[in-house]
Amino acid sequence: MSPAEPKEGHAIHCRLDELLAAQGMTLTQLSEEVGVSIVNLSVLKNDRARAIRFSTLTAICRALGCEVGELLVVSDQ
């Protein structure tokens, strides 16, 4: 385990559900717009992702009109 990794996994929470709801967009619509599979977006949405490409992150933020810090936040839980 690297020093930057918490003992029980990561503390990053993805707010994809909230941002989709605010935009009135479905996961399917986002998938089509950004070219990422629904399965991969679901992994991200459910906080099970271990990594994300900057190109994917850029595409999601552009599609949702948000900043990275609005999509990914550090959780205390």
C-alpha atoms as a PDB file:
ATOM      1  CA  MET A   1       0.000   0.000   0.000  1.00  0.00           C
ATOM      2  CA  SER A   2       1.397   3.411  -0.919  1.00  0.00           C
ATOM      3  CA  PRO A   3       1.568   6.223   1.659  1.00  0.00           C
ATOM      4  CA  ALA A   4      -1.061   8.231  -0.268  1.00  0.00           C
ATOM      5  CA  GLU A   5      -3.634   5.429  -0.110  1.00  0.00           C
ATOM      6  CA  PRO A   6      -5.809   5.188   3.028  1.00  0.00           C
ATOM      7  CA  LYS A   7      -5.752   1.786   4.765  1.00  0.00           C
ATOM      8  CA  GLU A   8      -9.386   1.024   3.908  1.00  0.00           C
ATOM      9  CA  GLY A   9      -9.379   2.254   0.303  1.00  0.00           C
ATOM     10  CA  HIS A  10      -9.979   5.694  -1.057  1.00  0.00           C
ATOM     11  CA  ALA A  11     -12.051   8.517   0.376  1.00  0.00           C
ATOM     12  CA  ILE A  12     -13.206   9.962  -2.965  1.00  0.00           C
ATOM     13  CA  HIS A  13     -16.952  10.205  -3.520  1.00  0.00           C
ATOM     14  CA  CYS A  14     -18.401  10.703  -6.997  1.00  0.00           C
ATOM     15  CA  ARG A  15     -21.452  12.980  -7.134  1.00  0.00           C
ATOM     16  CA  LEU A  16     -22.491  11.775 -10.601  1.00  0.00           C
ATOM     17  CA  ASP A  17     -26.083  10.947  -9.557  1.00  0.00           C
ATOM     18  CA  GLU A  18     -26.629  14.425  -8.133  1.00  0.00           C
ATOM     19  CA  LEU A  19     -25.151  16.177 -11.158  1.00  0.00           C
ATOM     20  CA  LEU A  20     -27.160  14.048 -13.586  1.00  0.00           C
ATOM     21  CA  ALA A  21     -30.365  14.868 -11.688  1.00  0.00           C
ATOM     22  CA  ALA A  22     -29.535  18.583 -11.708  1.00  0.00           C
ATOM     23  CA  GLN A  23     -29.069  18.456 -15.487  1.00  0.00           C
ATOM     24  CA  GLY A  24     -32.136  16.276 -16.067  1.00  0.00           C
ATOM     25  CA  MET A  25     -29.884  13.740 -17.791  1.00  0.00           C
ATOM     26  CA  THR A  26     -29.852   9.957 -17.580  1.00  0.00           C
ATOM     27  CA  LEU A  27     -26.797   7.738 -17.322  1.00  0.00           C
ATOM     28  CA  THR A  28     -27.644   6.424 -20.793  1.00  0.00           C
ATOM     29  CA  GLN A  29     -27.653   9.933 -22.252  1.00  0.00           C
ATOM     30  CA  LEU A  30     -24.339  10.750 -20.590  1.00  0.00           C
ATOM     31  CA  SER A  31     -22.868   7.490 -21.876  1.00  0.00           C
ATOM     32  CA  GLU A  32     -23.856   8.350 -25.443  1.00  0.00           C
ATOM     33  CA  GLU A  33     -22.557  11.914 -25.151  1.00  0.00           C
ATOM     34  CA  VAL A  34     -19.156  11.103 -23.674  1.00  0.00           C
ATOM     35  CA  GLY A  35     -18.524   7.744 -25.357  1.00  0.00           C
ATOM     36  CA  VAL A  36     -18.078   5.794 -22.122  1.00  0.00           C
ATOM     37  CA  SER A  37     -20.034   2.608 -21.456  1.00  0.00           C
ATOM     38  CA  ILE A  38     -22.920   2.624 -18.996  1.00  0.00           C
ATOM     39  CA  VAL A  39     -21.117  -0.093 -17.037  1.00  0.00           C
ATOM     40  CA  ASN A  40     -18.016   2.076 -16.590  1.00  0.00           C
ATOM     41  CA  LEU A  41     -20.096   5.108 -15.636  1.00  0.00           C
ATOM     42  CA  SER A  42     -21.968   2.957 -13.099  1.00  0.00           C
ATOM     43  CA  VAL A  43     -18.676   1.872 -11.550  1.00  0.00           C
ATOM     44  CA  LEU A  44     -17.741   5.534 -11.193  1.00  0.00           C
ATOM     45  CA  LYS A  45     -21.184   6.523  -9.915  1.00  0.00           C
ATOM     46  CA  ASN A  46     -21.157   3.807  -7.251  1.00  0.00           C
ATOM     47  CA  ASP A  47     -17.706   4.815  -5.938  1.00  0.00           C
ATOM     48  CA  ARG A  48     -16.129   1.558  -7.086  1.00  0.00           C
ATOM     49  CA  ALA A  49     -13.717   3.098  -9.600  1.00  0.00           C
ATOM     50  CA  ARG A  50     -10.038   2.774  -8.799  1.00  0.00           C
ATOM     51  CA  ALA A  51      -8.935   5.193 -11.523  1.00  0.00           C
ATOM     52  CA  ILE A  52     -10.305   7.541 -14.167  1.00  0.00           C
ATOM     53  CA  ARG A  53      -8.631   8.855 -17.301  1.00  0.00           C
ATOM     54  CA  PHE A  54      -8.274  12.599 -17.569  1.00  0.00           C
ATOM     55  CA  SER A  55      -9.919  12.437 -21.009  1.00  0.00           C
ATOM     56  CA  THR A  56     -12.967  10.712 -19.473  1.00  0.00           C
ATOM     57  CA  LEU A  57     -13.066  13.169 -16.606  1.00  0.00           C
ATOM     58  CA  THR A  58     -12.847  16.071 -19.053  1.00  0.00           C
ATOM     59  CA  ALA A  59     -15.675  14.673 -21.212  1.00  0.00           C
ATOM     60  CA  ILE A  60     -17.957  14.092 -18.208  1.00  0.00           C
ATOM     61  CA  CYS A  61     -17.331  17.573 -16.815  1.00  0.00           C
ATOM     62  CA  ARG A  62     -17.980  19.183 -20.202  1.00  0.00           C
ATOM     63  CA  ALA A  63     -21.197  17.206 -20.689  1.00  0.00           C
ATOM     64  CA  LEU A  64     -22.461  18.109 -17.211  1.00  0.00           C
ATOM     65  CA  GLY A  65     -21.162  21.687 -17.238  1.00  0.00           C
ATOM     66  CA  CYS A  66     -19.268  21.173 -13.995  1.00  0.00           C
ATOM     67  CA  GLU A  67     -15.806  21.375 -12.524  1.00  0.00           C
ATOM     68  CA  VAL A  68     -13.845  18.331 -11.336  1.00  0.00           C
ATOM     69  CA  GLY A  69     -14.330  19.430  -7.715  1.00  0.00           C
ATOM     70  CA  GLU A  70     -18.098  19.349  -8.168  1.00  0.00           C
ATOM     71  CA  LEU A  71     -17.961  15.794  -9.515  1.00  0.00           C
ATOM     72  CA  LEU A  72     -15.361  14.284  -7.175  1.00  0.00           C
ATOM     73  CA  VAL A  73     -15.183  15.191  -3.491  1.00  0.00           C
ATOM     74  CA  VAL A  74     -13.231  13.848  -0.526  1.00  0.00           C
ATOM     75  CA  SER A  75     -15.547  12.093   1.900  1.00  0.00           C
ATOM     76  CA  ASP A  76     -14.946  11.827   5.642  1.00  0.00           C
ATOM     77  CA  GLN A  77     -16.790   8.503   5.806  1.00  0.00           C
END
